[in-house]
Amino acid sequence: MNEKVNPRRWMILISVGIFTLMATLDGSIVNIALPIISKNLHIEMNMAEWVVSIYLVTICIFLLMFGKIADSIGKIKIFKIGSVMFILGSIICGLSNNLVMLLLGRVVQAIGASMAMATNNGIITQTFPLSERGYALGYIGSFVSIGAIAGPGIGGLILGHFHWSYIFWINIPIGLIALILGYINLPKAESTNPTKFDKRGFAVYFLTLLLFFGAIFIGQSVGFTNLYIILTFIVAVGCFFLFLQIEKSVTDPMIELRIFSNHNFTLGLVAGFFIFVTNFFFNVVSPFYLENALGIAASTAGYILMAFPVVQVVVAPISGKISAKVNPIVLTIIGLIVIEVAQIGYLFFNLQTQIWFILLCIGLNGLGNGLFQAPNNTMIMSSVETKDLGIAGGLNALSRNLGMIIGVSLSTTVLFLSMSKFYGKSVTTYINGRPDIFIDGMRVTMTFAVIICLIAIVMSVIRLIKSGRSNNE
């Protein structure tokens, strides 16, 4: 029996892809502007960092809620509302002349972004036939990675010519084009599955993430051995187990825990999480390495870092197409091995490293991610029932965003702790005149990335073995 093919599916992909790109881009593009924002708004640098943190935390908090609501009232409806909210949030950010207004705009932006992220994979999965699904999800995966990795490069180019507010203003015309395309091409009606919303589960989930992220961000300033930080982590873990108990007992849980019994789904999420953690290790150290240690101009460093997304955007759709013809798990393992080779290559970076070798390693990382992301996303989204596409997409996006936050926090902590050990006293930034201390710290940091990527490889091999057993039964 032939699948019914939507003739407007490629225009839908463009609309969904643009908002996916902007939503993920706004999680990293602001980083490079923080010193300027701090000076312009007359605030301390640690307060300016909340402009980034509050965006990522808000997305993580609301992703699952909107994924569940999307399954109930419709993914397309949630996506459209999210698109409007993201544009509205960008306007507020662009108009901001104080920190409170800017943070408010970032929260509105993040709520809109979480709506788009929770529904994008589900919309693409239900729009494209199985033969084209891997190809389409490959593009979505490319948009996600480009947004996550290319932020500093694109932000640097904008700041070189315009006021920092244009980082947000640029979203308006692009967002409106995507919004118009979406309203013209997205179906006006879709099947829904009305259910009650699990308010108690969401409240405990909200508290869990709030405590967890609070402990991470404050712990970076006061130290993770602080008694209050340790207690906060313990309470967060307790809240998490309480959340699981609630989800097991209610009729319509926010997360159907049965979905995790599917090894393709669960191991795919875990592997994806570890790879985003891995990618953000180099994302954190690369500006210090290129600009401070090697003395490369910020704009040139931005172009060098663009090698990652450029390679991935070419490879990911091809990988998605191939995944429909070969075992996609094998393809993910090949991609992970290439990523691992890139992480090992980063270990050899020093003050004498040639640009060609830097570009080779960054390009290999983009190649590996392109090979991995498309088939991994396809397996995750194709392994669940249609009625669970919203929550599956929400969990997939949540694993990515958690990977970004954990990657940034863990890599920063490891980098400065190791630099402090080599320097003999506390270090919280790059030490001018001592690039050797940074290189030593970077090598320790990237060793962690090698280990984390190896864990992702092991998880994928386990998935391959379990898949083979399932097929033989």
Protein backbone atom coordinates (compact mmCIF):
# COMPACT_ATOMS: atom_id res chain seq x y z
CA MET A 1 0.00 0.00 0.00
CA ASN A 2 1.49 3.36 -1.09
CA GLU A 3 1.82 6.20 1.42
CA LYS A 4 -0.08 9.38 0.67
CA VAL A 5 2.54 11.99 -0.21
CA ASN A 6 2.05 15.66 0.71
CA PRO A 7 2.91 17.73 -2.41
CA ARG A 8 3.88 20.70 -0.21
CA ARG A 9 6.22 18.71 2.02
CA TRP A 10 9.42 20.47 0.89
CA MET A 11 7.97 23.93 1.59
CA ILE A 12 6.89 22.63 5.01
CA LEU A 13 10.47 21.44 5.55
CA ILE A 14 11.82 24.92 4.71
CA SER A 15 9.41 26.64 7.11
CA VAL A 16 10.05 24.19 9.96
CA GLY A 17 13.79 24.19 9.25
CA ILE A 18 14.13 27.99 9.39
CA PHE A 19 12.48 28.21 12.80
CA THR A 20 14.52 25.25 14.04
CA LEU A 21 17.69 27.00 12.90
CA MET A 22 16.77 30.31 14.56
CA ALA A 23 15.64 28.64 17.81
CA THR A 24 18.92 26.74 18.22
CA LEU A 25 21.06 29.60 16.88
CA ASP A 26 19.73 31.95 19.56
CA GLY A 27 21.06 29.58 22.22
CA SER A 28 24.68 30.22 21.15
CA ILE A 29 24.79 33.42 19.06
CA VAL A 30 24.49 35.66 22.13
CA ASN A 31 27.65 34.27 23.78
CA ILE A 32 30.03 36.36 21.71
CA ALA A 33 28.01 39.54 22.41
CA LEU A 34 28.00 39.20 26.23
CA PRO A 35 30.98 41.53 26.84
CA ILE A 36 29.34 44.24 24.70
CA ILE A 37 25.91 43.71 26.30
CA SER A 38 27.51 43.85 29.75
CA LYS A 39 29.19 47.18 28.95
CA ASN A 40 26.18 48.67 27.14
CA LEU A 41 23.66 47.80 29.87
CA HIS A 42 26.13 48.60 32.70
CA ILE A 43 25.90 45.16 34.32
CA GLU A 44 28.45 42.63 35.61
CA MET A 45 29.58 39.86 33.25
CA ASN A 46 28.13 37.10 35.46
CA MET A 47 24.72 38.83 35.28
CA ALA A 48 25.03 39.15 31.49
CA GLU A 49 25.57 35.37 31.28
CA TRP A 50 21.95 34.92 32.42
CA VAL A 51 20.93 36.16 28.95
CA VAL A 52 22.22 32.83 27.63
CA SER A 53 21.36 30.63 30.62
CA ILE A 54 17.73 31.71 31.02
CA TYR A 55 17.06 30.91 27.34
CA LEU A 56 18.42 27.35 27.50
CA VAL A 57 16.87 26.60 30.90
CA THR A 58 13.42 27.86 29.84
CA ILE A 59 13.55 25.69 26.71
CA CYS A 60 14.40 22.60 28.76
CA ILE A 61 11.62 23.31 31.27
CA PHE A 62 8.85 23.71 28.69
CA LEU A 63 9.89 21.26 25.94
CA LEU A 64 8.11 18.20 27.36
CA MET A 65 5.00 20.17 28.32
CA PHE A 66 4.55 21.45 24.77
CA GLY A 67 5.41 18.03 23.34
CA LYS A 68 2.58 16.51 25.38
CA ILE A 69 0.15 19.35 24.58
CA ALA A 70 1.04 19.00 20.89
CA ASP A 71 0.04 15.32 20.98
CA SER A 72 -3.26 16.40 22.50
CA ILE A 73 -4.32 19.45 20.44
CA GLY A 74 -2.07 19.18 17.38
CA LYS A 75 1.62 19.66 16.58
CA ILE A 76 1.01 22.19 13.81
CA LYS A 77 -1.12 24.43 16.03
CA ILE A 78 1.61 24.48 18.72
CA PHE A 79 4.30 25.09 16.10
CA LYS A 80 2.46 28.09 14.66
CA ILE A 81 1.87 29.64 18.09
CA GLY A 82 5.52 29.05 18.97
CA SER A 83 6.67 30.75 15.77
CA VAL A 84 4.70 33.90 16.63
CA MET A 85 5.98 33.92 20.23
CA PHE A 86 9.59 33.54 19.07
CA ILE A 87 9.24 36.57 16.79
CA LEU A 88 7.54 38.54 19.58
CA GLY A 89 10.35 37.62 21.99
CA SER A 90 12.94 38.74 19.41
CA ILE A 91 11.22 42.14 19.14
CA ILE A 92 11.28 42.56 22.94
CA CYS A 93 14.98 41.63 23.00
CA GLY A 94 15.79 44.05 20.18
CA LEU A 95 14.02 46.92 21.98
CA SER A 96 15.61 46.14 25.38
CA ASN A 97 17.50 48.90 27.15
CA ASN A 98 17.88 47.11 30.50
CA LEU A 99 18.62 43.60 31.76
CA VAL A 100 15.09 42.87 33.07
CA MET A 101 13.47 43.64 29.70
CA LEU A 102 16.13 41.61 27.88
CA LEU A 103 15.62 38.60 30.15
CA LEU A 104 11.83 38.89 29.69
CA GLY A 105 12.32 38.86 25.93
CA ARG A 106 14.58 35.83 26.18
CA VAL A 107 11.96 33.94 28.21
CA VAL A 108 9.26 34.72 25.60
CA GLN A 109 11.72 33.71 22.86
CA ALA A 110 12.53 30.47 24.67
CA ILE A 111 8.88 29.52 25.18
CA GLY A 112 8.33 29.99 21.44
CA ALA A 113 11.51 28.06 20.67
CA SER A 114 10.44 25.18 22.91
CA MET A 115 7.12 24.98 21.04
CA ALA A 116 8.95 24.78 17.71
CA MET A 117 11.59 22.31 18.95
CA ALA A 118 8.98 20.04 20.54
CA THR A 119 7.04 19.71 17.30
CA ASN A 120 9.51 20.04 14.39
CA ASN A 121 10.57 16.37 14.18
CA GLY A 122 6.98 15.20 14.68
CA ILE A 123 5.69 17.42 11.85
CA ILE A 124 8.42 16.22 9.50
CA THR A 125 7.88 12.57 10.48
CA GLN A 126 4.15 12.72 9.76
CA THR A 127 4.61 14.83 6.58
CA PHE A 128 7.24 12.78 4.74
CA PRO A 129 6.91 9.17 3.54
CA LEU A 130 9.33 6.64 5.03
CA SER A 131 11.46 6.63 1.86
CA GLU A 132 12.18 10.38 2.25
CA ARG A 133 11.95 10.72 6.03
CA GLY A 134 15.64 10.16 6.76
CA TYR A 135 16.58 12.74 4.11
CA ALA A 136 14.18 15.32 5.58
CA LEU A 137 15.17 14.67 9.19
CA GLY A 138 18.78 14.95 8.05
CA TYR A 139 18.08 18.53 7.04
CA ILE A 140 16.41 19.23 10.40
CA GLY A 141 19.43 17.72 12.14
CA SER A 142 21.67 19.99 10.07
CA PHE A 143 19.65 23.06 11.04
CA VAL A 144 19.92 22.05 14.72
CA SER A 145 23.69 21.56 14.62
CA ILE A 146 24.32 24.64 12.50
CA GLY A 147 22.31 26.73 14.96
CA ALA A 148 24.11 25.22 17.95
CA ILE A 149 27.66 25.46 16.57
CA ALA A 150 27.62 28.42 14.15
CA GLY A 151 26.34 30.97 16.68
CA PRO A 152 29.72 32.49 17.64
CA GLY A 153 30.80 32.81 13.99
CA ILE A 154 27.56 34.41 12.79
CA GLY A 155 27.31 36.58 15.91
CA GLY A 156 30.86 37.84 15.34
CA LEU A 157 30.02 38.84 11.76
CA ILE A 158 26.91 40.77 12.89
CA LEU A 159 28.74 42.53 15.73
CA GLY A 160 31.48 43.57 13.32
CA HIS A 161 29.02 45.83 11.50
CA PHE A 162 25.95 46.44 13.70
CA HIS A 163 24.70 47.09 17.24
CA TRP A 164 24.29 43.96 19.43
CA SER A 165 20.48 44.25 19.18
CA TYR A 166 20.70 43.17 15.52
CA ILE A 167 21.46 39.66 16.78
CA PHE A 168 17.73 39.64 17.62
CA TRP A 169 16.41 41.98 14.92
CA ILE A 170 17.67 39.62 12.21
CA ASN A 171 15.10 37.07 13.42
CA ILE A 172 12.17 39.32 12.45
CA PRO A 173 12.33 39.32 8.60
CA ILE A 174 13.54 35.71 8.42
CA GLY A 175 10.91 34.60 10.94
CA LEU A 176 8.11 36.37 9.08
CA ILE A 177 9.08 34.66 5.82
CA ALA A 178 9.07 31.26 7.56
CA LEU A 179 5.78 32.11 9.28
CA ILE A 180 4.08 33.00 5.99
CA LEU A 181 5.42 29.83 4.34
CA GLY A 182 4.14 27.80 7.28
CA TYR A 183 0.65 29.28 7.25
CA ILE A 184 0.37 28.74 3.49
CA ASN A 185 1.72 25.18 3.36
CA LEU A 186 1.09 23.53 6.73
CA PRO A 187 -2.17 21.55 6.87
CA LYS A 188 -5.06 23.42 8.45
CA ALA A 189 -6.26 20.35 10.37
CA GLU A 190 -4.63 17.24 11.81
CA SER A 191 -5.57 14.28 13.96
CA THR A 192 -5.53 14.99 17.70
CA ASN A 193 -5.67 12.93 20.85
CA PRO A 194 -7.35 15.03 23.60
CA THR A 195 -6.08 14.15 27.08
CA LYS A 196 -5.87 15.79 30.49
CA PHE A 197 -2.66 17.67 31.23
CA ASP A 198 -0.55 16.25 34.06
CA LYS A 199 -0.24 19.43 36.17
CA ARG A 200 1.22 17.72 39.23
CA GLY A 201 3.86 15.94 37.17
CA PHE A 202 4.81 19.15 35.38
CA ALA A 203 5.11 21.06 38.68
CA VAL A 204 7.57 18.49 40.08
CA TYR A 205 9.44 18.34 36.74
CA PHE A 206 9.66 22.16 36.73
CA LEU A 207 11.07 22.15 40.29
CA THR A 208 13.55 19.38 39.43
CA LEU A 209 15.08 21.27 36.52
CA LEU A 210 15.04 24.59 38.37
CA LEU A 211 17.00 23.10 41.27
CA PHE A 212 19.33 21.13 38.99
CA PHE A 213 20.24 24.05 36.73
CA GLY A 214 20.42 26.45 39.67
CA ALA A 215 22.96 24.17 41.34
CA ILE A 216 24.99 23.95 38.11
CA PHE A 217 25.13 27.68 37.37
CA ILE A 218 25.65 28.86 40.95
CA GLY A 219 28.04 25.97 41.61
CA GLN A 220 30.33 27.26 38.87
CA SER A 221 30.74 30.48 40.87
CA VAL A 222 30.88 29.21 44.47
CA GLY A 223 32.27 25.71 43.83
CA PHE A 224 30.54 22.33 43.61
CA THR A 225 31.84 21.28 47.03
CA ASN A 226 29.72 23.99 48.68
CA LEU A 227 27.29 22.33 51.14
CA TYR A 228 24.25 24.20 49.78
CA ILE A 229 25.09 23.21 46.20
CA ILE A 230 25.43 19.54 47.22
CA LEU A 231 22.12 19.67 49.10
CA THR A 232 20.43 21.30 46.09
CA PHE A 233 21.65 18.50 43.83
CA ILE A 234 20.37 15.90 46.33
CA VAL A 235 16.92 17.58 46.50
CA ALA A 236 16.84 17.75 42.68
CA VAL A 237 17.52 14.01 42.45
CA GLY A 238 14.78 13.36 45.04
CA CYS A 239 12.33 15.48 43.02
CA PHE A 240 13.26 13.53 39.89
CA PHE A 241 12.37 10.19 41.50
CA LEU A 242 9.15 11.72 42.83
CA PHE A 243 8.36 12.80 39.25
CA LEU A 244 8.87 9.22 38.03
CA GLN A 245 6.51 7.92 40.72
CA ILE A 246 3.84 10.46 39.72
CA GLU A 247 4.17 9.52 36.05
CA LYS A 248 3.66 5.85 36.92
CA SER A 249 0.50 6.54 38.93
CA VAL A 250 -1.50 9.06 36.87
CA THR A 251 -3.86 8.15 34.04
CA ASP A 252 -2.53 10.70 31.54
CA PRO A 253 1.16 11.29 32.46
CA MET A 254 3.27 14.03 30.95
CA ILE A 255 5.67 11.31 29.82
CA GLU A 256 4.49 7.82 28.95
CA LEU A 257 7.35 5.89 30.57
CA ARG A 258 6.53 2.87 28.40
CA ILE A 259 8.12 4.77 25.51
CA PHE A 260 11.54 4.15 27.08
CA SER A 261 11.12 0.37 26.79
CA ASN A 262 11.92 0.84 23.09
CA HIS A 263 15.72 0.48 22.95
CA ASN A 264 16.01 2.27 19.58
CA PHE A 265 14.31 5.29 21.12
CA THR A 266 16.07 5.31 24.51
CA LEU A 267 19.60 4.50 23.34
CA GLY A 268 19.18 7.00 20.48
CA LEU A 269 18.34 9.75 22.97
CA VAL A 270 21.28 8.84 25.22
CA ALA A 271 23.75 8.72 22.32
CA GLY A 272 22.46 12.05 20.99
CA PHE A 273 22.82 13.61 24.45
CA PHE A 274 26.44 12.48 24.77
CA ILE A 275 27.33 13.81 21.32
CA PHE A 276 25.96 17.27 22.07
CA VAL A 277 27.93 17.24 25.33
CA THR A 278 31.02 16.25 23.31
CA ASN A 279 30.51 18.95 20.67
CA PHE A 280 30.15 21.71 23.24
CA PHE A 281 33.48 20.87 24.86
CA PHE A 282 35.31 22.15 21.78
CA ASN A 283 32.68 24.88 21.30
CA VAL A 284 33.74 26.30 24.68
CA VAL A 285 37.54 26.03 24.31
CA SER A 286 37.81 26.95 20.60
CA PRO A 287 37.39 30.76 20.93
CA PHE A 288 40.07 30.84 23.67
CA TYR A 289 42.37 28.66 21.58
CA LEU A 290 41.95 30.44 18.25
CA GLU A 291 41.70 34.06 19.46
CA ASN A 292 43.75 34.14 22.67
CA ALA A 293 46.34 31.39 22.26
CA LEU A 294 46.92 31.65 18.50
CA GLY A 295 46.09 35.37 18.21
CA ILE A 296 43.66 34.91 15.30
CA ALA A 297 41.13 37.73 14.69
CA ALA A 298 37.58 37.01 15.90
CA SER A 299 36.10 37.25 12.39
CA THR A 300 38.71 34.83 11.00
CA ALA A 301 38.13 32.46 13.91
CA GLY A 302 34.41 32.58 13.08
CA TYR A 303 35.12 31.51 9.49
CA ILE A 304 37.34 28.64 10.70
CA LEU A 305 34.63 27.38 13.08
CA MET A 306 32.09 27.50 10.22
CA ALA A 307 33.85 24.44 8.74
CA PHE A 308 31.81 22.27 11.12
CA PRO A 309 28.28 23.35 10.05
CA VAL A 310 29.23 23.72 6.38
CA VAL A 311 30.42 20.11 6.20
CA GLN A 312 27.47 18.85 8.22
CA VAL A 313 24.82 20.62 6.13
CA VAL A 314 26.21 18.85 3.04
CA VAL A 315 26.64 15.42 4.64
CA ALA A 316 23.51 15.10 6.84
CA PRO A 317 20.85 14.92 4.07
CA ILE A 318 23.00 12.43 2.14
CA SER A 319 23.39 10.37 5.31
CA GLY A 320 19.63 10.52 5.85
CA LYS A 321 19.02 9.24 2.33
CA ILE A 322 21.56 6.42 2.73
CA SER A 323 19.98 5.41 6.06
CA ALA A 324 16.85 4.32 4.19
CA LYS A 325 18.93 1.75 2.27
CA VAL A 326 21.40 0.46 4.88
CA ASN A 327 21.19 -0.31 8.60
CA PRO A 328 20.98 3.19 10.12
CA ILE A 329 22.58 2.03 13.38
CA VAL A 330 25.74 1.05 11.49
CA LEU A 331 25.74 4.53 9.93
CA THR A 332 25.49 6.17 13.37
CA ILE A 333 28.43 4.10 14.64
CA ILE A 334 30.56 5.14 11.64
CA GLY A 335 29.63 8.77 12.34
CA LEU A 336 30.55 8.43 16.01
CA ILE A 337 33.92 6.89 15.15
CA VAL A 338 34.66 9.87 12.86
CA ILE A 339 33.66 12.25 15.69
CA GLU A 340 35.99 10.34 18.02
CA VAL A 341 38.87 10.72 15.55
CA ALA A 342 38.20 14.49 15.51
CA GLN A 343 38.25 14.65 19.34
CA ILE A 344 41.56 12.78 19.39
CA GLY A 345 42.85 15.25 16.78
CA TYR A 346 41.94 18.14 19.11
CA LEU A 347 44.28 16.64 21.75
CA PHE A 348 47.24 17.44 19.48
CA PHE A 349 46.40 21.16 19.14
CA ASN A 350 49.17 23.43 20.40
CA LEU A 351 50.73 26.82 19.66
CA GLN A 352 52.45 25.48 16.51
CA THR A 353 49.44 23.71 14.99
CA GLN A 354 48.86 24.59 11.34
CA ILE A 355 45.51 26.01 10.19
CA TRP A 356 45.03 23.13 7.74
CA PHE A 357 45.13 20.60 10.59
CA ILE A 358 42.68 22.67 12.65
CA LEU A 359 40.29 22.84 9.68
CA LEU A 360 40.73 19.09 9.06
CA CYS A 361 39.72 18.18 12.63
CA ILE A 362 36.78 20.61 12.69
CA GLY A 363 35.68 19.33 9.27
CA LEU A 364 35.93 15.72 10.46
CA ASN A 365 33.75 16.63 13.43
CA GLY A 366 31.16 18.07 11.04
CA LEU A 367 31.40 14.96 8.84
CA GLY A 368 30.89 12.64 11.82
CA ASN A 369 27.93 14.63 13.10
CA GLY A 370 26.39 14.68 9.64
CA LEU A 371 26.67 10.90 9.42
CA PHE A 372 25.32 10.40 12.96
CA GLN A 373 22.49 12.92 13.44
CA ALA A 374 20.22 12.09 10.49
CA PRO A 375 19.90 8.29 10.97
CA ASN A 376 19.80 8.71 14.76
CA ASN A 377 16.91 11.20 14.56
CA THR A 378 15.12 9.01 12.02
CA MET A 379 15.33 5.96 14.30
CA ILE A 380 14.19 7.93 17.33
CA MET A 381 11.15 9.44 15.61
CA SER A 382 10.23 6.35 13.57
CA SER A 383 10.34 4.04 16.60
CA VAL A 384 7.26 5.56 18.32
CA GLU A 385 3.55 5.53 17.56
CA THR A 386 1.98 8.51 15.76
CA LYS A 387 0.16 9.61 18.91
CA ASP A 388 3.52 9.90 20.73
CA LEU A 389 5.37 11.94 18.07
CA GLY A 390 5.00 15.19 20.03
CA ILE A 391 6.44 13.89 23.29
CA ALA A 392 9.12 11.95 21.37
CA GLY A 393 10.14 15.14 19.57
CA GLY A 394 10.13 17.00 22.89
CA LEU A 395 12.37 14.38 24.52
CA ASN A 396 14.69 14.41 21.51
CA ALA A 397 15.03 18.20 21.70
CA LEU A 398 15.39 18.02 25.50
CA SER A 399 18.31 15.60 25.20
CA ARG A 400 20.02 18.02 22.80
CA ASN A 401 19.50 21.07 25.01
CA LEU A 402 20.57 19.20 28.15
CA GLY A 403 23.66 18.13 26.20
CA MET A 404 24.42 21.78 25.37
CA ILE A 405 24.00 22.97 28.96
CA ILE A 406 25.92 20.05 30.51
CA GLY A 407 28.61 20.37 27.83
CA VAL A 408 29.15 24.08 28.48
CA SER A 409 29.04 23.72 32.28
CA LEU A 410 31.22 20.59 32.50
CA SER A 411 33.83 21.76 29.97
CA THR A 412 34.13 25.19 31.62
CA THR A 413 34.52 23.57 35.05
CA VAL A 414 37.13 21.05 33.84
CA LEU A 415 39.04 23.70 31.85
CA PHE A 416 39.43 26.18 34.69
CA LEU A 417 40.03 23.54 37.39
CA SER A 418 42.81 21.97 35.34
CA MET A 419 44.29 25.40 34.48
CA SER A 420 44.20 26.26 38.20
CA LYS A 421 46.11 23.07 39.01
CA PHE A 422 48.79 23.79 36.39
CA TYR A 423 49.04 27.47 37.39
CA GLY A 424 49.12 26.84 41.13
CA LYS A 425 46.25 29.18 41.99
CA SER A 426 42.60 29.77 41.10
CA VAL A 427 41.91 30.55 37.43
CA THR A 428 38.55 31.68 36.04
CA THR A 429 39.59 33.07 32.65
CA TYR A 430 42.39 32.99 30.05
CA ILE A 431 45.74 34.06 31.54
CA ASN A 432 47.39 36.66 29.32
CA GLY A 433 50.99 35.80 28.54
CA ARG A 434 50.62 32.16 29.61
CA PRO A 435 49.18 30.27 26.61
CA ASP A 436 50.99 27.14 27.84
CA ILE A 437 48.66 26.97 30.87
CA PHE A 438 45.63 27.14 28.60
CA ILE A 439 46.99 24.48 26.21
CA ASP A 440 47.56 22.10 29.14
CA GLY A 441 44.04 22.79 30.45
CA MET A 442 42.53 22.35 26.98
CA ARG A 443 44.24 18.98 26.59
CA VAL A 444 42.70 17.73 29.86
CA THR A 445 39.29 19.11 28.84
CA MET A 446 39.33 17.45 25.42
CA THR A 447 40.39 14.15 27.03
CA PHE A 448 37.01 14.21 28.76
CA ALA A 449 35.36 14.79 25.34
CA VAL A 450 37.17 11.71 23.96
CA ILE A 451 35.83 9.60 26.86
CA ILE A 452 32.26 10.94 26.52
CA CYS A 453 32.24 10.24 22.76
CA LEU A 454 33.52 6.71 23.47
CA ILE A 455 30.52 6.18 25.78
CA ALA A 456 28.22 7.21 22.90
CA ILE A 457 29.95 4.66 20.64
CA VAL A 458 29.43 1.91 23.24
CA MET A 459 25.74 2.86 23.56
CA SER A 460 25.29 2.61 19.79
CA VAL A 461 27.04 -0.76 19.62
CA ILE A 462 24.68 -2.01 22.36
CA ARG A 463 21.76 -0.68 20.29
CA LEU A 464 23.05 -2.59 17.25
CA ILE A 465 23.34 -5.82 19.26
CA LYS A 466 19.86 -5.40 20.79
CA SER A 467 18.40 -4.59 17.36
CA GLY A 468 19.95 -7.76 15.92
CA ARG A 469 18.47 -9.86 18.72
CA SER A 470 15.04 -8.30 18.21
CA ASN A 471 15.15 -9.13 14.51
CA ASN A 472 16.10 -12.74 15.22
CA GLU A 473 13.24 -13.28 17.67
